[in-house]
Amino acid sequence: MPTRNVTLAISQQAHLKARLWAAHHDVSLSAVISALIEGLPSNPNAARAADRIHSNGQIRTPSPSPSETVKPMNTAP
């Protein structure tokens, strides 16, 4: 399956802790983040975390990139 690059912003402390955790488990930080993101749909705690983020005002809705925008279907006969 094709992959996509993702840019995220986290604190230096969170980055260091995550890098140390990944190194301790002999995996890349990219693999850890990828597994976490791929597991979101089946994680029952994810919805609660999203609700908590919304209630704290910590979320911002990203604008879709031009390649991600929905194009109208051609409805001509």
N, C-alpha and C. Protein backbone atom coordinates (compact mmCIF):
# COMPACT_ATOMS: atom_id res chain seq x y z
N MET A 1 0.85 -1.17 0.00
CA MET A 1 0.00 0.00 0.00
C MET A 1 0.90 1.24 0.00
N PRO A 2 0.57 2.24 -0.81
CA PRO A 2 1.37 3.47 -0.82
C PRO A 2 1.31 4.16 0.53
N THR A 3 2.37 4.86 0.86
CA THR A 3 2.42 5.57 2.13
C THR A 3 2.38 7.07 1.89
N ARG A 4 2.05 7.81 2.94
CA ARG A 4 2.01 9.27 2.91
C ARG A 4 2.90 9.79 4.01
N ASN A 5 3.60 10.86 3.75
CA ASN A 5 4.37 11.53 4.79
C ASN A 5 3.44 12.44 5.57
N VAL A 6 3.67 12.51 6.87
CA VAL A 6 2.86 13.34 7.75
C VAL A 6 3.79 14.19 8.59
N THR A 7 3.46 15.46 8.74
CA THR A 7 4.22 16.35 9.61
C THR A 7 3.40 16.62 10.85
N LEU A 8 4.02 16.51 12.01
CA LEU A 8 3.30 16.81 13.24
C LEU A 8 4.20 17.62 14.15
N ALA A 9 3.58 18.32 15.07
CA ALA A 9 4.31 19.15 16.03
C ALA A 9 4.03 18.61 17.43
N ILE A 10 5.09 18.27 18.15
CA ILE A 10 4.99 17.81 19.53
C ILE A 10 6.07 18.51 20.34
N SER A 11 5.91 18.48 21.64
CA SER A 11 6.91 19.13 22.50
C SER A 11 8.23 18.37 22.42
N GLN A 12 9.31 19.04 22.74
CA GLN A 12 10.62 18.39 22.76
C GLN A 12 10.64 17.25 23.75
N GLN A 13 9.97 17.44 24.88
CA GLN A 13 9.94 16.40 25.91
C GLN A 13 9.20 15.16 25.40
N ALA A 14 8.06 15.36 24.74
CA ALA A 14 7.31 14.23 24.20
C ALA A 14 8.12 13.50 23.13
N HIS A 15 8.82 14.27 22.31
CA HIS A 15 9.65 13.69 21.25
C HIS A 15 10.77 12.84 21.84
N LEU A 16 11.43 13.36 22.86
CA LEU A 16 12.52 12.63 23.49
C LEU A 16 12.01 11.35 24.14
N LYS A 17 10.90 11.45 24.88
CA LYS A 17 10.33 10.26 25.52
C LYS A 17 9.93 9.21 24.49
N ALA A 18 9.33 9.63 23.40
CA ALA A 18 8.91 8.70 22.35
C ALA A 18 10.12 8.06 21.68
N ARG A 19 11.15 8.84 21.40
CA ARG A 19 12.37 8.29 20.79
C ARG A 19 13.03 7.27 21.71
N LEU A 20 13.10 7.59 23.01
CA LEU A 20 13.70 6.66 23.96
C LEU A 20 12.87 5.37 24.07
N TRP A 21 11.54 5.51 24.09
CA TRP A 21 10.67 4.34 24.16
C TRP A 21 10.88 3.46 22.93
N ALA A 22 10.91 4.09 21.75
CA ALA A 22 11.08 3.33 20.51
C ALA A 22 12.44 2.64 20.49
N ALA A 23 13.48 3.34 20.91
CA ALA A 23 14.82 2.74 20.93
C ALA A 23 14.87 1.56 21.90
N HIS A 24 14.24 1.72 23.05
CA HIS A 24 14.21 0.65 24.05
C HIS A 24 13.53 -0.60 23.50
N HIS A 25 12.53 -0.40 22.63
CA HIS A 25 11.79 -1.52 22.04
C HIS A 25 12.32 -1.91 20.66
N ASP A 26 13.44 -1.31 20.27
CA ASP A 26 14.12 -1.62 19.02
C ASP A 26 13.22 -1.46 17.79
N VAL A 27 12.46 -0.36 17.78
CA VAL A 27 11.62 -0.02 16.63
C VAL A 27 11.83 1.45 16.31
N SER A 28 11.48 1.84 15.11
CA SER A 28 11.60 3.25 14.74
C SER A 28 10.42 4.04 15.28
N LEU A 29 10.65 5.30 15.53
CA LEU A 29 9.56 6.16 15.98
C LEU A 29 8.50 6.26 14.90
N SER A 30 8.91 6.27 13.65
CA SER A 30 7.95 6.30 12.54
C SER A 30 7.04 5.07 12.58
N ALA A 31 7.60 3.91 12.85
CA ALA A 31 6.79 2.68 12.92
C ALA A 31 5.81 2.74 14.08
N VAL A 32 6.24 3.30 15.21
CA VAL A 32 5.35 3.43 16.37
C VAL A 32 4.18 4.33 16.04
N ILE A 33 4.47 5.50 15.48
CA ILE A 33 3.41 6.46 15.15
C ILE A 33 2.47 5.88 14.09
N SER A 34 3.04 5.21 13.10
CA SER A 34 2.22 4.59 12.06
C SER A 34 1.27 3.55 12.66
N ALA A 35 1.78 2.70 13.55
CA ALA A 35 0.93 1.69 14.19
C ALA A 35 -0.17 2.33 15.02
N LEU A 36 0.16 3.41 15.73
CA LEU A 36 -0.86 4.09 16.53
C LEU A 36 -1.95 4.68 15.65
N ILE A 37 -1.57 5.33 14.57
CA ILE A 37 -2.55 5.95 13.68
C ILE A 37 -3.40 4.88 13.00
N GLU A 38 -2.77 3.81 12.53
CA GLU A 38 -3.52 2.75 11.85
C GLU A 38 -4.49 2.05 12.81
N GLY A 39 -4.18 2.06 14.09
CA GLY A 39 -5.05 1.41 15.07
C GLY A 39 -6.18 2.28 15.59
N LEU A 40 -6.20 3.56 15.23
CA LEU A 40 -7.24 4.46 15.74
C LEU A 40 -8.67 3.99 15.49
N PRO A 41 -9.02 3.55 14.29
CA PRO A 41 -10.41 3.18 14.05
C PRO A 41 -10.92 2.05 14.96
N SER A 42 -10.04 1.16 15.38
CA SER A 42 -10.49 0.04 16.21
C SER A 42 -10.19 0.24 17.69
N ASN A 43 -9.71 1.43 18.07
CA ASN A 43 -9.36 1.70 19.46
C ASN A 43 -10.51 2.41 20.16
N PRO A 44 -11.15 1.75 21.14
CA PRO A 44 -12.29 2.39 21.80
C PRO A 44 -11.91 3.63 22.61
N ASN A 45 -10.65 3.76 22.98
CA ASN A 45 -10.21 4.93 23.73
C ASN A 45 -9.99 6.15 22.83
N ALA A 46 -9.88 5.94 21.53
CA ALA A 46 -9.59 7.03 20.62
C ALA A 46 -10.70 8.07 20.60
N ALA A 47 -11.95 7.64 20.60
CA ALA A 47 -13.07 8.58 20.58
C ALA A 47 -13.10 9.41 21.86
N ARG A 48 -12.83 8.77 23.00
CA ARG A 48 -12.79 9.52 24.26
C ARG A 48 -11.66 10.53 24.26
N ALA A 49 -10.52 10.13 23.69
CA ALA A 49 -9.39 11.06 23.61
C ALA A 49 -9.74 12.25 22.71
N ALA A 50 -10.41 11.98 21.60
CA ALA A 50 -10.82 13.07 20.70
C ALA A 50 -11.78 14.01 21.41
N ASP A 51 -12.72 13.45 22.16
CA ASP A 51 -13.66 14.29 22.92
C ASP A 51 -12.92 15.17 23.92
N ARG A 52 -11.92 14.59 24.60
CA ARG A 52 -11.13 15.34 25.58
C ARG A 52 -10.35 16.47 24.89
N ILE A 53 -9.79 16.18 23.74
CA ILE A 53 -9.04 17.19 22.98
C ILE A 53 -9.98 18.33 22.57
N HIS A 54 -11.16 17.98 22.07
CA HIS A 54 -12.14 19.00 21.68
C HIS A 54 -12.53 19.87 22.87
N SER A 55 -12.80 19.24 24.00
CA SER A 55 -13.25 20.00 25.17
C SER A 55 -12.16 20.90 25.73
N ASN A 56 -10.90 20.56 25.49
CA ASN A 56 -9.79 21.40 25.94
C ASN A 56 -9.43 22.48 24.91
N GLY A 57 -10.12 22.48 23.78
CA GLY A 57 -9.83 23.47 22.75
C GLY A 57 -8.48 23.28 22.08
N GLN A 58 -7.98 22.04 22.07
CA GLN A 58 -6.65 21.77 21.53
C GLN A 58 -6.67 21.30 20.08
N ILE A 59 -7.83 21.29 19.46
CA ILE A 59 -7.89 20.73 18.12
C ILE A 59 -8.09 21.83 17.09
N ARG A 60 -7.49 21.62 15.95
CA ARG A 60 -7.74 22.54 14.84
C ARG A 60 -7.98 21.67 13.63
N THR A 61 -8.95 22.04 12.85
CA THR A 61 -9.31 21.27 11.67
C THR A 61 -8.41 21.69 10.52
N PRO A 62 -7.66 20.73 9.97
CA PRO A 62 -6.76 21.08 8.87
C PRO A 62 -7.53 21.30 7.57
N SER A 63 -6.96 22.13 6.72
CA SER A 63 -7.53 22.32 5.39
C SER A 63 -7.02 21.20 4.51
N PRO A 64 -7.88 20.63 3.68
CA PRO A 64 -7.41 19.55 2.81
C PRO A 64 -6.45 20.09 1.76
N SER A 65 -5.48 19.28 1.39
CA SER A 65 -4.58 19.66 0.32
C SER A 65 -5.35 19.54 -0.99
N PRO A 66 -4.85 20.18 -2.05
CA PRO A 66 -5.57 20.11 -3.34
C PRO A 66 -5.82 18.67 -3.80
N SER A 67 -4.91 17.75 -3.52
CA SER A 67 -5.09 16.37 -3.97
C SER A 67 -6.12 15.63 -3.12
N GLU A 68 -6.48 16.18 -1.95
CA GLU A 68 -7.43 15.52 -1.07
C GLU A 68 -8.84 16.09 -1.17
N THR A 69 -9.02 17.14 -1.93
CA THR A 69 -10.35 17.72 -2.04
C THR A 69 -11.26 16.82 -2.86
N VAL A 70 -12.52 16.85 -2.56
CA VAL A 70 -13.50 16.01 -3.26
C VAL A 70 -13.92 16.75 -4.51
N LYS A 71 -13.80 16.05 -5.62
CA LYS A 71 -14.19 16.63 -6.89
C LYS A 71 -15.62 16.18 -7.20
N PRO A 72 -16.47 17.10 -7.71
CA PRO A 72 -17.85 16.72 -8.02
C PRO A 72 -17.88 15.68 -9.14
N MET A 73 -18.84 14.77 -9.03
CA MET A 73 -18.99 13.74 -10.06
C MET A 73 -19.63 14.36 -11.30
N ASN A 74 -19.26 13.87 -12.43
CA ASN A 74 -19.86 14.32 -13.67
C ASN A 74 -21.25 13.71 -13.78
N THR A 75 -22.26 14.56 -13.75
CA THR A 75 -23.65 14.07 -13.78
C THR A 75 -24.28 14.26 -15.16
N ALA A 76 -23.50 14.67 -16.13
CA ALA A 76 -24.06 14.88 -17.48
C ALA A 76 -24.45 13.52 -18.08
N PRO A 77 -25.55 13.50 -18.88
CA PRO A 77 -26.01 12.21 -19.49
C PRO A 77 -25.06 11.70 -20.53
